[in-house]
Amino acid sequence: MATEDISLEDEFAAALAEQARQTAPAAMPFQELKSAADKADENSQDLDFILDIPIQMTVELGRTKITIKNLLHLAQGSVVELDGLAGEPMDVLVNGFLIAQGEVVVVNDKFGIRMTDIITPAERIRKLNK
């Protein structure tokens, strides 16, 4: 039975070697370079994979700190002062990270935000490191 195991191992090793020879890429002295359009199409296909992933987008008007005592005294009609100034750009956050700033607009009786400044990836990384 031991000789049978050895012959099976030899056959298996031979089969693996044959498969490796068949699937190994042939050496080409001059490979064709892909055009920029081909690379753009590949990148587009890579991005298509993630385009339907939902994210949380938030527009922050401002922030404030109040005591629990003051929080408990809030009632309908109460005004809470925020640190944001009127007319100041609002922060646009995606999953909690600042990506842009914009101004509040009204469209068809709904609030919206017009993007006025998109944060560059380098700026985003710099802010993350702070």
N, C-alpha and C. Protein backbone atom coordinates (compact mmCIF):
# COMPACT_ATOMS: atom_id res chain seq x y z
N MET A 1 0.82 -1.18 0.00
CA MET A 1 0.00 0.00 0.00
C MET A 1 0.87 1.26 0.00
N ALA A 2 2.07 1.18 0.61
CA ALA A 2 2.96 2.32 0.64
C ALA A 2 3.44 2.68 -0.75
N THR A 3 3.72 1.66 -1.60
CA THR A 3 4.15 1.94 -2.97
C THR A 3 3.02 2.56 -3.76
N GLU A 4 1.76 2.19 -3.43
CA GLU A 4 0.61 2.78 -4.12
C GLU A 4 0.49 4.26 -3.78
N ASP A 5 0.75 4.64 -2.48
CA ASP A 5 0.70 6.04 -2.06
C ASP A 5 1.79 6.84 -2.77
N ILE A 6 2.99 6.26 -2.91
CA ILE A 6 4.08 6.96 -3.57
C ILE A 6 3.76 7.19 -5.03
N SER A 7 3.20 6.20 -5.71
CA SER A 7 2.88 6.37 -7.13
C SER A 7 1.78 7.41 -7.31
N LEU A 8 0.81 7.47 -6.38
CA LEU A 8 -0.22 8.49 -6.47
C LEU A 8 0.38 9.88 -6.27
N GLU A 9 1.32 9.99 -5.32
CA GLU A 9 1.99 11.27 -5.10
C GLU A 9 2.78 11.68 -6.34
N ASP A 10 3.45 10.71 -6.98
CA ASP A 10 4.22 11.01 -8.19
C ASP A 10 3.29 11.47 -9.31
N GLU A 11 2.16 10.80 -9.46
CA GLU A 11 1.21 11.17 -10.50
C GLU A 11 0.63 12.57 -10.21
N PHE A 12 0.36 12.83 -8.93
CA PHE A 12 -0.18 14.12 -8.55
C PHE A 12 0.85 15.23 -8.84
N ALA A 13 2.11 14.98 -8.48
CA ALA A 13 3.18 15.94 -8.72
C ALA A 13 3.36 16.17 -10.23
N ALA A 14 3.27 15.12 -11.00
CA ALA A 14 3.41 15.24 -12.45
C ALA A 14 2.25 16.05 -13.03
N ALA A 15 1.05 15.81 -12.52
CA ALA A 15 -0.12 16.55 -13.01
C ALA A 15 0.01 18.03 -12.67
N LEU A 16 0.50 18.34 -11.46
CA LEU A 16 0.69 19.74 -11.08
C LEU A 16 1.74 20.41 -11.96
N ALA A 17 2.82 19.71 -12.24
CA ALA A 17 3.87 20.25 -13.09
C ALA A 17 3.34 20.52 -14.49
N GLU A 18 2.55 19.58 -15.03
CA GLU A 18 1.96 19.75 -16.36
C GLU A 18 1.02 20.95 -16.39
N GLN A 19 0.22 21.11 -15.34
CA GLN A 19 -0.71 22.23 -15.26
C GLN A 19 0.07 23.55 -15.20
N ALA A 20 1.15 23.57 -14.45
CA ALA A 20 1.95 24.78 -14.34
C ALA A 20 2.56 25.16 -15.68
N ARG A 21 2.99 24.17 -16.45
CA ARG A 21 3.57 24.44 -17.78
C ARG A 21 2.50 24.99 -18.73
N GLN A 22 1.28 24.48 -18.63
CA GLN A 22 0.21 24.91 -19.54
C GLN A 22 -0.31 26.30 -19.20
N THR A 23 -0.34 26.64 -17.91
CA THR A 23 -0.90 27.92 -17.52
C THR A 23 0.14 29.01 -17.39
N ALA A 24 1.43 28.67 -17.47
CA ALA A 24 2.47 29.70 -17.36
C ALA A 24 2.41 30.59 -18.59
N PRO A 25 2.52 31.90 -18.42
CA PRO A 25 2.46 32.80 -19.57
C PRO A 25 3.69 32.62 -20.44
N ALA A 26 3.47 32.66 -21.73
CA ALA A 26 4.57 32.52 -22.66
C ALA A 26 5.41 33.79 -22.61
N ALA A 27 6.71 33.61 -22.64
CA ALA A 27 7.60 34.77 -22.61
C ALA A 27 7.52 35.48 -23.95
N MET A 28 7.20 36.75 -23.91
CA MET A 28 7.11 37.53 -25.14
C MET A 28 8.18 38.61 -25.08
N PRO A 29 8.99 38.70 -26.11
CA PRO A 29 10.03 39.71 -26.08
C PRO A 29 9.47 41.13 -26.11
N PHE A 30 8.39 41.34 -26.83
CA PHE A 30 7.77 42.66 -26.92
C PHE A 30 6.29 42.53 -26.62
N GLN A 31 5.90 42.96 -25.44
CA GLN A 31 4.49 42.91 -25.09
C GLN A 31 3.84 44.20 -25.54
N GLU A 32 2.60 44.07 -26.01
CA GLU A 32 1.88 45.27 -26.42
C GLU A 32 1.51 46.07 -25.19
N LEU A 33 1.68 47.37 -25.29
CA LEU A 33 1.29 48.25 -24.20
C LEU A 33 -0.19 48.55 -24.33
N LYS A 34 -0.87 48.54 -23.20
CA LYS A 34 -2.28 48.87 -23.22
C LYS A 34 -2.43 50.37 -23.39
N SER A 35 -3.42 50.74 -24.13
CA SER A 35 -3.65 52.18 -24.32
C SER A 35 -4.26 52.77 -23.05
N ALA A 36 -4.18 54.07 -22.95
CA ALA A 36 -4.75 54.75 -21.78
C ALA A 36 -6.26 54.51 -21.70
N ALA A 37 -6.91 54.40 -22.84
CA ALA A 37 -8.35 54.15 -22.85
C ALA A 37 -8.67 52.79 -22.26
N ASP A 38 -7.85 51.78 -22.57
CA ASP A 38 -8.07 50.45 -22.01
C ASP A 38 -7.93 50.48 -20.50
N LYS A 39 -6.93 51.20 -20.00
CA LYS A 39 -6.73 51.30 -18.56
C LYS A 39 -7.88 52.04 -17.91
N ALA A 40 -8.38 53.08 -18.57
CA ALA A 40 -9.52 53.84 -18.03
C ALA A 40 -10.75 52.94 -17.95
N ASP A 41 -10.95 52.09 -18.98
CA ASP A 41 -12.09 51.17 -18.96
C ASP A 41 -11.96 50.18 -17.80
N GLU A 42 -10.75 49.69 -17.54
CA GLU A 42 -10.54 48.76 -16.43
C GLU A 42 -10.84 49.45 -15.11
N ASN A 43 -10.35 50.69 -14.94
CA ASN A 43 -10.60 51.43 -13.71
C ASN A 43 -12.09 51.69 -13.54
N SER A 44 -12.77 51.99 -14.64
CA SER A 44 -14.21 52.23 -14.59
C SER A 44 -14.95 50.97 -14.13
N GLN A 45 -14.52 49.82 -14.63
CA GLN A 45 -15.14 48.56 -14.22
C GLN A 45 -14.87 48.30 -12.74
N ASP A 46 -13.69 48.64 -12.27
CA ASP A 46 -13.37 48.47 -10.85
C ASP A 46 -14.27 49.36 -10.01
N LEU A 47 -14.51 50.60 -10.44
CA LEU A 47 -15.35 51.53 -9.69
C LEU A 47 -16.82 51.11 -9.74
N ASP A 48 -17.25 50.52 -10.84
CA ASP A 48 -18.65 50.09 -10.96
C ASP A 48 -19.03 49.14 -9.84
N PHE A 49 -18.07 48.41 -9.34
CA PHE A 49 -18.29 47.43 -8.29
C PHE A 49 -18.76 48.08 -6.99
N ILE A 50 -18.29 49.31 -6.72
CA ILE A 50 -18.61 49.96 -5.44
C ILE A 50 -19.63 51.08 -5.55
N LEU A 51 -20.08 51.41 -6.75
CA LEU A 51 -20.96 52.58 -6.92
C LEU A 51 -22.30 52.47 -6.20
N ASP A 52 -22.80 51.30 -5.93
CA ASP A 52 -24.10 51.13 -5.28
C ASP A 52 -24.00 50.98 -3.76
N ILE A 53 -22.83 51.15 -3.19
CA ILE A 53 -22.68 51.03 -1.74
C ILE A 53 -23.24 52.30 -1.09
N PRO A 54 -24.19 52.16 -0.18
CA PRO A 54 -24.77 53.35 0.46
C PRO A 54 -23.80 53.97 1.46
N ILE A 55 -23.83 55.31 1.53
CA ILE A 55 -23.02 56.05 2.49
C ILE A 55 -23.92 57.04 3.22
N GLN A 56 -23.46 57.54 4.35
CA GLN A 56 -24.21 58.51 5.13
C GLN A 56 -23.62 59.89 4.85
N MET A 57 -24.43 60.79 4.25
CA MET A 57 -23.99 62.15 3.98
C MET A 57 -24.70 63.09 4.93
N THR A 58 -23.94 63.97 5.58
CA THR A 58 -24.48 64.88 6.59
C THR A 58 -24.01 66.29 6.29
N VAL A 59 -24.90 67.25 6.47
CA VAL A 59 -24.53 68.66 6.38
C VAL A 59 -24.64 69.22 7.78
N GLU A 60 -23.54 69.77 8.25
CA GLU A 60 -23.49 70.26 9.62
C GLU A 60 -23.61 71.77 9.63
N LEU A 61 -24.66 72.26 10.27
CA LEU A 61 -24.88 73.70 10.37
C LEU A 61 -24.02 74.33 11.46
N GLY A 62 -23.73 73.60 12.49
CA GLY A 62 -22.93 74.10 13.59
C GLY A 62 -23.03 73.17 14.78
N ARG A 63 -22.31 73.51 15.83
CA ARG A 63 -22.31 72.69 17.04
C ARG A 63 -22.38 73.61 18.25
N THR A 64 -22.74 73.02 19.37
CA THR A 64 -22.71 73.74 20.63
C THR A 64 -22.60 72.75 21.77
N LYS A 65 -22.17 73.24 22.92
CA LYS A 65 -22.14 72.42 24.13
C LYS A 65 -23.08 73.07 25.12
N ILE A 66 -23.96 72.25 25.70
CA ILE A 66 -24.86 72.76 26.73
C ILE A 66 -24.87 71.77 27.88
N THR A 67 -25.30 72.23 29.01
CA THR A 67 -25.38 71.36 30.18
C THR A 67 -26.66 70.54 30.11
N ILE A 68 -26.69 69.47 30.85
CA ILE A 68 -27.89 68.63 30.91
C ILE A 68 -29.07 69.45 31.45
N LYS A 69 -28.78 70.32 32.41
CA LYS A 69 -29.82 71.18 32.99
C LYS A 69 -30.48 72.02 31.89
N ASN A 70 -29.67 72.66 31.04
CA ASN A 70 -30.22 73.47 29.95
C ASN A 70 -30.92 72.61 28.90
N LEU A 71 -30.40 71.43 28.66
CA LEU A 71 -31.03 70.51 27.71
C LEU A 71 -32.43 70.14 28.18
N LEU A 72 -32.58 69.91 29.48
CA LEU A 72 -33.89 69.53 30.03
C LEU A 72 -34.88 70.69 29.99
N HIS A 73 -34.39 71.92 29.93
CA HIS A 73 -35.27 73.08 29.87
C HIS A 73 -35.73 73.42 28.45
N LEU A 74 -35.20 72.71 27.45
CA LEU A 74 -35.61 73.00 26.07
C LEU A 74 -37.07 72.61 25.87
N ALA A 75 -37.78 73.45 25.15
CA ALA A 75 -39.18 73.19 24.85
C ALA A 75 -39.44 73.62 23.41
N GLN A 76 -40.63 73.34 22.93
CA GLN A 76 -40.98 73.75 21.57
C GLN A 76 -40.82 75.26 21.46
N GLY A 77 -40.11 75.71 20.43
CA GLY A 77 -39.86 77.13 20.24
C GLY A 77 -38.56 77.61 20.83
N SER A 78 -37.86 76.76 21.60
CA SER A 78 -36.56 77.15 22.16
C SER A 78 -35.56 77.33 21.03
N VAL A 79 -34.63 78.23 21.22
CA VAL A 79 -33.58 78.47 20.25
C VAL A 79 -32.26 78.05 20.87
N VAL A 80 -31.51 77.25 20.15
CA VAL A 80 -30.19 76.81 20.59
C VAL A 80 -29.17 77.49 19.70
N GLU A 81 -28.28 78.26 20.30
CA GLU A 81 -27.25 78.98 19.54
C GLU A 81 -26.15 78.00 19.14
N LEU A 82 -25.80 78.04 17.86
CA LEU A 82 -24.73 77.19 17.33
C LEU A 82 -23.49 78.03 17.08
N ASP A 83 -22.35 77.37 16.94
CA ASP A 83 -21.12 78.11 16.71
C ASP A 83 -20.95 78.57 15.26
N GLY A 84 -21.78 78.05 14.35
CA GLY A 84 -21.71 78.47 12.95
C GLY A 84 -22.35 79.83 12.76
N LEU A 85 -21.75 80.65 11.90
CA LEU A 85 -22.27 81.98 11.63
C LEU A 85 -23.20 81.95 10.43
N ALA A 86 -24.20 82.84 10.42
CA ALA A 86 -25.11 82.94 9.29
C ALA A 86 -24.30 83.33 8.05
N GLY A 87 -24.54 82.65 6.94
CA GLY A 87 -23.82 82.93 5.71
C GLY A 87 -22.48 82.22 5.59
N GLU A 88 -22.05 81.56 6.66
CA GLU A 88 -20.79 80.82 6.66
C GLU A 88 -20.99 79.49 5.93
N PRO A 89 -19.97 79.00 5.20
CA PRO A 89 -20.12 77.71 4.53
C PRO A 89 -20.41 76.58 5.52
N MET A 90 -21.28 75.68 5.13
CA MET A 90 -21.63 74.53 5.96
C MET A 90 -20.72 73.36 5.61
N ASP A 91 -20.38 72.56 6.61
CA ASP A 91 -19.54 71.39 6.38
C ASP A 91 -20.37 70.25 5.83
N VAL A 92 -19.83 69.56 4.81
CA VAL A 92 -20.47 68.38 4.23
C VAL A 92 -19.61 67.19 4.63
N LEU A 93 -20.22 66.26 5.36
CA LEU A 93 -19.50 65.09 5.88
C LEU A 93 -20.03 63.83 5.21
N VAL A 94 -19.13 62.92 4.87
CA VAL A 94 -19.52 61.61 4.37
C VAL A 94 -18.93 60.60 5.33
N ASN A 95 -19.82 59.82 5.94
CA ASN A 95 -19.43 58.85 6.96
C ASN A 95 -18.57 59.50 8.04
N GLY A 96 -18.88 60.75 8.37
CA GLY A 96 -18.20 61.44 9.44
C GLY A 96 -16.94 62.18 9.05
N PHE A 97 -16.54 62.11 7.78
CA PHE A 97 -15.33 62.78 7.32
C PHE A 97 -15.68 63.97 6.44
N LEU A 98 -15.05 65.10 6.70
CA LEU A 98 -15.29 66.31 5.92
C LEU A 98 -14.81 66.11 4.49
N ILE A 99 -15.71 66.33 3.52
CA ILE A 99 -15.33 66.20 2.12
C ILE A 99 -15.55 67.48 1.34
N ALA A 100 -16.40 68.39 1.88
CA ALA A 100 -16.70 69.61 1.13
C ALA A 100 -17.33 70.64 2.06
N GLN A 101 -17.49 71.83 1.52
CA GLN A 101 -18.24 72.88 2.18
C GLN A 101 -19.21 73.44 1.16
N GLY A 102 -20.31 73.99 1.64
CA GLY A 102 -21.29 74.51 0.71
C GLY A 102 -22.22 75.48 1.39
N GLU A 103 -23.15 76.01 0.60
CA GLU A 103 -24.13 76.96 1.12
C GLU A 103 -25.52 76.35 1.02
N VAL A 104 -26.34 76.68 1.99
CA VAL A 104 -27.70 76.15 2.05
C VAL A 104 -28.55 76.83 0.98
N VAL A 105 -29.34 76.03 0.26
CA VAL A 105 -30.27 76.54 -0.75
C VAL A 105 -31.62 75.88 -0.52
N VAL A 106 -32.65 76.47 -1.08
CA VAL A 106 -33.99 75.88 -1.04
C VAL A 106 -34.38 75.51 -2.46
N VAL A 107 -34.73 74.24 -2.67
CA VAL A 107 -35.12 73.74 -3.97
C VAL A 107 -36.45 73.02 -3.82
N ASN A 108 -37.49 73.52 -4.49
CA ASN A 108 -38.82 72.90 -4.41
C ASN A 108 -39.26 72.71 -2.96
N ASP A 109 -39.13 73.74 -2.16
CA ASP A 109 -39.53 73.74 -0.75
C ASP A 109 -38.74 72.76 0.11
N LYS A 110 -37.60 72.30 -0.36
CA LYS A 110 -36.73 71.41 0.43
C LYS A 110 -35.37 72.05 0.53
N PHE A 111 -34.72 71.83 1.67
CA PHE A 111 -33.37 72.34 1.83
C PHE A 111 -32.40 71.49 1.02
N GLY A 112 -31.38 72.13 0.51
CA GLY A 112 -30.31 71.45 -0.20
C GLY A 112 -29.02 72.17 0.11
N ILE A 113 -27.95 71.70 -0.48
CA ILE A 113 -26.66 72.37 -0.29
C ILE A 113 -25.96 72.46 -1.64
N ARG A 114 -25.48 73.66 -1.93
CA ARG A 114 -24.70 73.88 -3.15
C ARG A 114 -23.24 73.80 -2.75
N MET A 115 -22.52 72.85 -3.35
CA MET A 115 -21.11 72.66 -3.02
C MET A 115 -20.32 73.86 -3.52
N THR A 116 -19.56 74.46 -2.62
CA THR A 116 -18.73 75.60 -3.00
C THR A 116 -17.24 75.28 -2.94
N ASP A 117 -16.87 74.29 -2.16
CA ASP A 117 -15.46 73.95 -2.01
C ASP A 117 -15.32 72.47 -1.70
N ILE A 118 -14.71 71.73 -2.61
CA ILE A 118 -14.48 70.30 -2.42
C ILE A 118 -13.09 70.13 -1.81
N ILE A 119 -13.00 69.36 -0.75
CA ILE A 119 -11.72 69.12 -0.07
C ILE A 119 -10.91 68.13 -0.91
N THR A 120 -9.65 68.48 -1.20
CA THR A 120 -8.80 67.59 -2.00
C THR A 120 -8.41 66.37 -1.16
N PRO A 121 -8.09 65.26 -1.80
CA PRO A 121 -7.65 64.09 -1.04
C PRO A 121 -6.46 64.38 -0.14
N ALA A 122 -5.52 65.21 -0.59
CA ALA A 122 -4.35 65.54 0.22
C ALA A 122 -4.78 66.29 1.49
N GLU A 123 -5.74 67.22 1.36
CA GLU A 123 -6.24 67.95 2.52
C GLU A 123 -6.96 67.02 3.48
N ARG A 124 -7.72 66.06 2.93
CA ARG A 124 -8.44 65.10 3.79
C ARG A 124 -7.46 64.28 4.61
N ILE A 125 -6.39 63.82 3.98
CA ILE A 125 -5.40 63.01 4.68
C ILE A 125 -4.71 63.85 5.75
N ARG A 126 -4.40 65.11 5.41
CA ARG A 126 -3.74 65.99 6.38
C ARG A 126 -4.63 66.21 7.59
N LYS A 127 -5.94 66.38 7.38
CA LYS A 127 -6.86 66.59 8.50
C LYS A 127 -7.02 65.32 9.33
N LEU A 128 -6.93 64.16 8.70
CA LEU A 128 -7.03 62.89 9.43
C LEU A 128 -5.84 62.72 10.37
N ASN A 129 -4.68 63.19 9.94
CA ASN A 129 -3.46 63.03 10.73
C ASN A 129 -3.38 63.97 11.92
N LYS A 130 -4.26 64.98 11.98
CA LYS A 130 -4.23 65.94 13.10
C LYS A 130 -4.77 65.32 14.35
